[in-house]
Amino acid sequence: MQSGKLIVFSAPSGSGKTTIVQHLLAHPELKLEFSISATSREPRVGEVDGKDYYFLSLEEFKKKIKNDEFLEWEEVYRDNFYGTLKTEIEKIWAKGKNVIFDIDVVGGLDIKNIYPEETLAVFVKPPSIEELKIRLKKRKTESDDKINMRVAKASIELATAPQFDFIIENINLQTALDEAYHLVSTFVGANGED
């Protein structure tokens, strides 16, 4: 079944990984398709099931865990599960594409451990925890309590950075985008220009 590559972007929330992944998806020569994660959390305003996430009830998520339907999964916050369905990866590989992930650090490292040769694991590092907090507040999508929870988790996530293949420090967005493009195009063997 294995045919494509797996490109993992992990980072604390607010580091810029989603922006980087969206940039890479805009380059057809990389032959990337986004892996939509499943989650048990409620959709945020504007999020669409099957596009942003596969939104599952807590019971549905736990049933899929029991049935071994996930490549990786994690309870990120209490009763708040995220995971990658095996069928999602199979569907993308069947199209002859490479899979790109915007994923939690634990999930990213799990994928790297399962497919060490096929996976490029990139950690996106914010300039500082203070800058991360500013970015999260600017989003205006979460309460101060949620932001504080994410910032506390970020300190733990930053400690995992050395376990990734590469670290991109997102101080200047354009520099980070260029660096990500270079890493991914080299890994997938694309000959396109940025």
C-alpha atoms as a PDB file:
ATOM      1  CA  MET A   1       0.000   0.000   0.000  1.00  0.00           C
ATOM      2  CA  GLN A   2       2.843   2.429   0.847  1.00  0.00           C
ATOM      3  CA  SER A   3       3.688   4.742  -2.030  1.00  0.00           C
ATOM      4  CA  GLY A   4       3.968   8.409  -1.064  1.00  0.00           C
ATOM      5  CA  LYS A   5       5.931  10.481   1.388  1.00  0.00           C
ATOM      6  CA  LEU A   6       4.714  11.882   4.705  1.00  0.00           C
ATOM      7  CA  ILE A   7       5.528  15.477   5.605  1.00  0.00           C
ATOM      8  CA  VAL A   8       4.824  16.400   9.208  1.00  0.00           C
ATOM      9  CA  PHE A   9       4.663  19.976  10.489  1.00  0.00           C
ATOM     10  CA  SER A  10       4.308  20.207  14.257  1.00  0.00           C
ATOM     11  CA  ALA A  11       4.493  23.169  16.597  1.00  0.00           C
ATOM     12  CA  PRO A  12       2.871  24.805  19.568  1.00  0.00           C
ATOM     13  CA  SER A  13      -0.447  26.430  18.648  1.00  0.00           C
ATOM     14  CA  GLY A  14       0.225  29.904  17.198  1.00  0.00           C
ATOM     15  CA  SER A  15       3.698  29.160  15.801  1.00  0.00           C
ATOM     16  CA  GLY A  16       2.653  29.530  12.174  1.00  0.00           C
ATOM     17  CA  LYS A  17       2.597  25.891  11.051  1.00  0.00           C
ATOM     18  CA  THR A  18      -0.847  26.194   9.434  1.00  0.00           C
ATOM     19  CA  THR A  19       0.293  29.205   7.377  1.00  0.00           C
ATOM     20  CA  ILE A  20       3.380  27.277   6.257  1.00  0.00           C
ATOM     21  CA  VAL A  21       1.346  24.177   5.331  1.00  0.00           C
ATOM     22  CA  GLN A  22      -1.138  26.292   3.324  1.00  0.00           C
ATOM     23  CA  HIS A  23       1.806  27.894   1.465  1.00  0.00           C
ATOM     24  CA  LEU A  24       3.230  24.483   0.554  1.00  0.00           C
ATOM     25  CA  LEU A  25      -0.151  23.167  -0.602  1.00  0.00           C
ATOM     26  CA  ALA A  26      -0.277  26.018  -3.135  1.00  0.00           C
ATOM     27  CA  HIS A  27       2.693  24.453  -4.998  1.00  0.00           C
ATOM     28  CA  PRO A  28       1.385  21.684  -7.305  1.00  0.00           C
ATOM     29  CA  GLU A  29       4.894  20.450  -8.144  1.00  0.00           C
ATOM     30  CA  LEU A  30       5.201  19.149  -4.567  1.00  0.00           C
ATOM     31  CA  LYS A  31       2.213  16.809  -5.135  1.00  0.00           C
ATOM     32  CA  LEU A  32       0.916  17.403  -1.611  1.00  0.00           C
ATOM     33  CA  GLU A  33      -2.486  16.736  -0.150  1.00  0.00           C
ATOM     34  CA  PHE A  34      -3.511  17.776   3.326  1.00  0.00           C
ATOM     35  CA  SER A  35      -4.315  15.081   5.853  1.00  0.00           C
ATOM     36  CA  ILE A  36      -7.546  16.067   7.555  1.00  0.00           C
ATOM     37  CA  SER A  37      -7.427  15.064  11.210  1.00  0.00           C
ATOM     38  CA  ALA A  38     -10.327  13.728  13.210  1.00  0.00           C
ATOM     39  CA  THR A  39     -11.252  15.416  16.492  1.00  0.00           C
ATOM     40  CA  SER A  40     -13.771  15.028  19.265  1.00  0.00           C
ATOM     41  CA  ARG A  41     -13.891  18.766  19.970  1.00  0.00           C
ATOM     42  CA  GLU A  42     -16.722  21.018  18.836  1.00  0.00           C
ATOM     43  CA  PRO A  43     -16.220  22.935  15.561  1.00  0.00           C
ATOM     44  CA  ARG A  44     -15.110  26.568  15.880  1.00  0.00           C
ATOM     45  CA  VAL A  45     -16.982  29.252  13.978  1.00  0.00           C
ATOM     46  CA  GLY A  46     -16.455  28.774  10.240  1.00  0.00           C
ATOM     47  CA  GLU A  47     -14.948  25.278  10.486  1.00  0.00           C
ATOM     48  CA  VAL A  48     -16.402  22.703   8.101  1.00  0.00           C
ATOM     49  CA  ASP A  49     -16.658  18.959   8.734  1.00  0.00           C
ATOM     50  CA  GLY A  50     -14.573  17.028   6.197  1.00  0.00           C
ATOM     51  CA  LYS A  51     -12.592  20.135   5.241  1.00  0.00           C
ATOM     52  CA  ASP A  52     -11.030  21.460   8.463  1.00  0.00           C
ATOM     53  CA  TYR A  53     -11.494  18.301  10.543  1.00  0.00           C
ATOM     54  CA  TYR A  54     -13.618  15.196  10.711  1.00  0.00           C
ATOM     55  CA  PHE A  55     -15.722  16.139  13.719  1.00  0.00           C
ATOM     56  CA  LEU A  56     -16.629  13.007  15.692  1.00  0.00           C
ATOM     57  CA  SER A  57     -18.516  12.608  18.936  1.00  0.00           C
ATOM     58  CA  LEU A  58     -16.416  11.455  21.889  1.00  0.00           C
ATOM     59  CA  GLU A  59     -18.135   8.054  21.654  1.00  0.00           C
ATOM     60  CA  GLU A  60     -17.417   7.751  17.894  1.00  0.00           C
ATOM     61  CA  PHE A  61     -13.767   8.686  18.436  1.00  0.00           C
ATOM     62  CA  LYS A  62     -13.304   6.109  21.209  1.00  0.00           C
ATOM     63  CA  LYS A  63     -14.964   3.424  19.064  1.00  0.00           C
ATOM     64  CA  LYS A  64     -12.511   4.125  16.216  1.00  0.00           C
ATOM     65  CA  ILE A  65      -9.597   3.872  18.706  1.00  0.00           C
ATOM     66  CA  LYS A  66     -10.917   0.498  19.866  1.00  0.00           C
ATOM     67  CA  ASN A  67     -11.243  -0.662  16.225  1.00  0.00           C
ATOM     68  CA  ASP A  68      -7.608   0.394  15.462  1.00  0.00           C
ATOM     69  CA  GLU A  69      -8.745   2.868  12.759  1.00  0.00           C
ATOM     70  CA  PHE A  70      -6.131   5.524  13.626  1.00  0.00           C
ATOM     71  CA  LEU A  71      -2.531   5.788  12.446  1.00  0.00           C
ATOM     72  CA  GLU A  72      -1.991   7.930  15.541  1.00  0.00           C
ATOM     73  CA  TRP A  73      -4.218   9.634  18.108  1.00  0.00           C
ATOM     74  CA  GLU A  74      -3.894  11.586  21.320  1.00  0.00           C
ATOM     75  CA  GLU A  75      -6.051  13.018  24.061  1.00  0.00           C
ATOM     76  CA  VAL A  76      -4.632  16.538  23.761  1.00  0.00           C
ATOM     77  CA  TYR A  77      -6.830  18.014  26.472  1.00  0.00           C
ATOM     78  CA  ARG A  78      -9.349  16.196  28.694  1.00  0.00           C
ATOM     79  CA  ASP A  79     -11.970  14.484  26.460  1.00  0.00           C
ATOM     80  CA  ASN A  80     -10.478  16.402  23.528  1.00  0.00           C
ATOM     81  CA  PHE A  81      -9.052  13.832  21.114  1.00  0.00           C
ATOM     82  CA  TYR A  82      -7.231  14.352  17.819  1.00  0.00           C
ATOM     83  CA  GLY A  83      -6.033  11.681  15.427  1.00  0.00           C
ATOM     84  CA  THR A  84      -5.188  10.611  11.878  1.00  0.00           C
ATOM     85  CA  LEU A  85      -7.469   8.032  10.301  1.00  0.00           C
ATOM     86  CA  LYS A  86      -5.628   5.308   8.366  1.00  0.00           C
ATOM     87  CA  THR A  87      -8.221   5.635   5.578  1.00  0.00           C
ATOM     88  CA  GLU A  88      -7.217   9.295   5.075  1.00  0.00           C
ATOM     89  CA  ILE A  89      -3.592   8.355   4.330  1.00  0.00           C
ATOM     90  CA  GLU A  90      -4.605   5.440   2.068  1.00  0.00           C
ATOM     91  CA  LYS A  91      -6.961   7.739   0.104  1.00  0.00           C
ATOM     92  CA  ILE A  92      -4.188  10.339  -0.508  1.00  0.00           C
ATOM     93  CA  TRP A  93      -1.547   7.748  -1.455  1.00  0.00           C
ATOM     94  CA  ALA A  94      -4.033   6.131  -3.870  1.00  0.00           C
ATOM     95  CA  LYS A  95      -4.084   9.476  -5.755  1.00  0.00           C
ATOM     96  CA  GLY A  96      -0.282   9.375  -6.120  1.00  0.00           C
ATOM     97  CA  LYS A  97       0.169  12.281  -3.718  1.00  0.00           C
ATOM     98  CA  ASN A  98       2.368  12.965  -0.694  1.00  0.00           C
ATOM     99  CA  VAL A  99       0.623  13.522   2.631  1.00  0.00           C
ATOM    100  CA  ILE A 100       1.219  16.748   4.552  1.00  0.00           C
ATOM    101  CA  PHE A 101       0.231  17.047   8.213  1.00  0.00           C
ATOM    102  CA  ASP A 102      -0.412  20.050  10.442  1.00  0.00           C
ATOM    103  CA  ILE A 103      -0.352  18.086  13.652  1.00  0.00           C
ATOM    104  CA  ASP A 104       0.356  18.031  17.373  1.00  0.00           C
ATOM    105  CA  VAL A 105       3.979  17.187  18.333  1.00  0.00           C
ATOM    106  CA  VAL A 106       3.097  13.812  19.881  1.00  0.00           C
ATOM    107  CA  GLY A 107       1.173  12.758  16.762  1.00  0.00           C
ATOM    108  CA  GLY A 108       3.968  14.029  14.531  1.00  0.00           C
ATOM    109  CA  LEU A 109       6.598  12.003  16.367  1.00  0.00           C
ATOM    110  CA  ASP A 110       4.320   8.938  16.351  1.00  0.00           C
ATOM    111  CA  ILE A 111       4.080   9.121  12.547  1.00  0.00           C
ATOM    112  CA  LYS A 112       7.873   9.531  12.281  1.00  0.00           C
ATOM    113  CA  ASN A 113       8.335   6.440  14.469  1.00  0.00           C
ATOM    114  CA  ILE A 114       5.882   4.349  12.401  1.00  0.00           C
ATOM    115  CA  TYR A 115       7.310   5.438   9.001  1.00  0.00           C
ATOM    116  CA  PRO A 116      10.882   6.601   9.751  1.00  0.00           C
ATOM    117  CA  GLU A 117      12.169   6.465   6.148  1.00  0.00           C
ATOM    118  CA  GLU A 118       9.086   7.963   4.471  1.00  0.00           C
ATOM    119  CA  THR A 119       8.597  10.853   6.906  1.00  0.00           C
ATOM    120  CA  LEU A 120      10.068  14.349   6.999  1.00  0.00           C
ATOM    121  CA  ALA A 121       9.292  15.782  10.447  1.00  0.00           C
ATOM    122  CA  VAL A 122       9.608  19.563  10.822  1.00  0.00           C
ATOM    123  CA  PHE A 123       9.140  21.493  14.044  1.00  0.00           C
ATOM    124  CA  VAL A 124       8.076  25.138  13.720  1.00  0.00           C
ATOM    125  CA  LYS A 125       9.426  27.145  16.615  1.00  0.00           C
ATOM    126  CA  PRO A 126       7.993  30.526  17.664  1.00  0.00           C
ATOM    127  CA  PRO A 127      10.460  33.346  18.436  1.00  0.00           C
ATOM    128  CA  SER A 128       9.459  33.150  22.126  1.00  0.00           C
ATOM    129  CA  ILE A 129       6.656  32.072  24.475  1.00  0.00           C
ATOM    130  CA  GLU A 130       5.736  35.774  24.877  1.00  0.00           C
ATOM    131  CA  GLU A 131       5.346  36.181  21.092  1.00  0.00           C
ATOM    132  CA  LEU A 132       3.281  32.986  21.001  1.00  0.00           C
ATOM    133  CA  LYS A 133       0.877  34.410  23.581  1.00  0.00           C
ATOM    134  CA  ILE A 134       0.530  37.634  21.554  1.00  0.00           C
ATOM    135  CA  ARG A 135      -0.254  35.644  18.390  1.00  0.00           C
ATOM    136  CA  LEU A 136      -2.869  33.532  20.174  1.00  0.00           C
ATOM    137  CA  LYS A 137      -4.559  36.644  21.612  1.00  0.00           C
ATOM    138  CA  LYS A 138      -4.644  38.278  18.150  1.00  0.00           C
ATOM    139  CA  ARG A 139      -6.634  35.318  16.804  1.00  0.00           C
ATOM    140  CA  LYS A 140      -9.543  36.200  19.120  1.00  0.00           C
ATOM    141  CA  THR A 141     -10.822  32.616  18.876  1.00  0.00           C
ATOM    142  CA  GLU A 142     -10.316  31.444  22.452  1.00  0.00           C
ATOM    143  CA  SER A 143     -10.765  32.541  26.054  1.00  0.00           C
ATOM    144  CA  ASP A 144      -7.825  33.679  28.188  1.00  0.00           C
ATOM    145  CA  ASP A 145      -8.032  30.359  30.069  1.00  0.00           C
ATOM    146  CA  LYS A 146      -7.666  28.387  26.812  1.00  0.00           C
ATOM    147  CA  ILE A 147      -4.783  30.627  25.708  1.00  0.00           C
ATOM    148  CA  ASN A 148      -3.009  30.107  29.039  1.00  0.00           C
ATOM    149  CA  MET A 149      -3.538  26.351  28.693  1.00  0.00           C
ATOM    150  CA  ARG A 150      -1.992  26.423  25.189  1.00  0.00           C
ATOM    151  CA  VAL A 151       0.965  28.531  26.371  1.00  0.00           C
ATOM    152  CA  ALA A 152       1.630  26.127  29.253  1.00  0.00           C
ATOM    153  CA  LYS A 153       1.514  23.193  26.813  1.00  0.00           C
ATOM    154  CA  ALA A 154       3.853  25.045  24.419  1.00  0.00           C
ATOM    155  CA  SER A 155       6.722  24.924  26.929  1.00  0.00           C
ATOM    156  CA  ILE A 156       6.458  21.129  27.031  1.00  0.00           C
ATOM    157  CA  GLU A 157       6.151  20.913  23.226  1.00  0.00           C
ATOM    158  CA  LEU A 158       9.240  23.086  22.689  1.00  0.00           C
ATOM    159  CA  ALA A 159      11.271  20.491  24.595  1.00  0.00           C
ATOM    160  CA  THR A 160      10.467  17.915  21.862  1.00  0.00           C
ATOM    161  CA  ALA A 161      11.922  20.049  19.039  1.00  0.00           C
ATOM    162  CA  PRO A 162      15.303  18.214  18.932  1.00  0.00           C
ATOM    163  CA  GLN A 163      13.492  14.931  18.130  1.00  0.00           C
ATOM    164  CA  PHE A 164      12.374  16.326  14.743  1.00  0.00           C
ATOM    165  CA  ASP A 165      14.417  16.158  11.529  1.00  0.00           C
ATOM    166  CA  PHE A 166      14.477  19.959  11.161  1.00  0.00           C
ATOM    167  CA  ILE A 167      13.541  23.022  13.186  1.00  0.00           C
ATOM    168  CA  ILE A 168      12.290  26.164  11.450  1.00  0.00           C
ATOM    169  CA  GLU A 169      12.340  29.210  13.703  1.00  0.00           C
ATOM    170  CA  ASN A 170       9.453  31.391  12.567  1.00  0.00           C
ATOM    171  CA  ILE A 171      10.796  34.878  13.294  1.00  0.00           C
ATOM    172  CA  ASN A 172      10.290  36.167   9.736  1.00  0.00           C
ATOM    173  CA  LEU A 173       7.373  34.490   7.965  1.00  0.00           C
ATOM    174  CA  GLN A 174       8.794  34.755   4.422  1.00  0.00           C
ATOM    175  CA  THR A 175      12.097  33.226   5.529  1.00  0.00           C
ATOM    176  CA  ALA A 176      10.201  30.392   7.254  1.00  0.00           C
ATOM    177  CA  LEU A 177       8.083  29.804   4.117  1.00  0.00           C
ATOM    178  CA  ASP A 178      11.176  29.700   1.895  1.00  0.00           C
ATOM    179  CA  GLU A 179      12.977  27.326   4.250  1.00  0.00           C
ATOM    180  CA  ALA A 180       9.935  25.007   4.442  1.00  0.00           C
ATOM    181  CA  TYR A 181       9.604  24.955   0.636  1.00  0.00           C
ATOM    182  CA  HIS A 182      13.273  24.065   0.216  1.00  0.00           C
ATOM    183  CA  LEU A 183      13.102  21.235   2.791  1.00  0.00           C
ATOM    184  CA  VAL A 184       9.937  19.708   1.333  1.00  0.00           C
ATOM    185  CA  SER A 185      10.886  20.058  -2.353  1.00  0.00           C
ATOM    186  CA  THR A 186      14.236  18.383  -1.650  1.00  0.00           C
ATOM    187  CA  PHE A 187      12.554  15.580   0.329  1.00  0.00           C
ATOM    188  CA  VAL A 188       9.890  14.788  -2.294  1.00  0.00           C
ATOM    189  CA  GLY A 189      12.291  15.307  -5.206  1.00  0.00           C
ATOM    190  CA  ALA A 190      10.299  18.166  -6.818  1.00  0.00           C
ATOM    191  CA  ASN A 191      12.015  20.233  -9.477  1.00  0.00           C
ATOM    192  CA  GLY A 192       9.737  23.278  -9.230  1.00  0.00           C
ATOM    193  CA  GLU A 193      10.823  26.783  -8.377  1.00  0.00           C
ATOM    194  CA  ASP A 194       9.341  28.851  -5.568  1.00  0.00           C
END
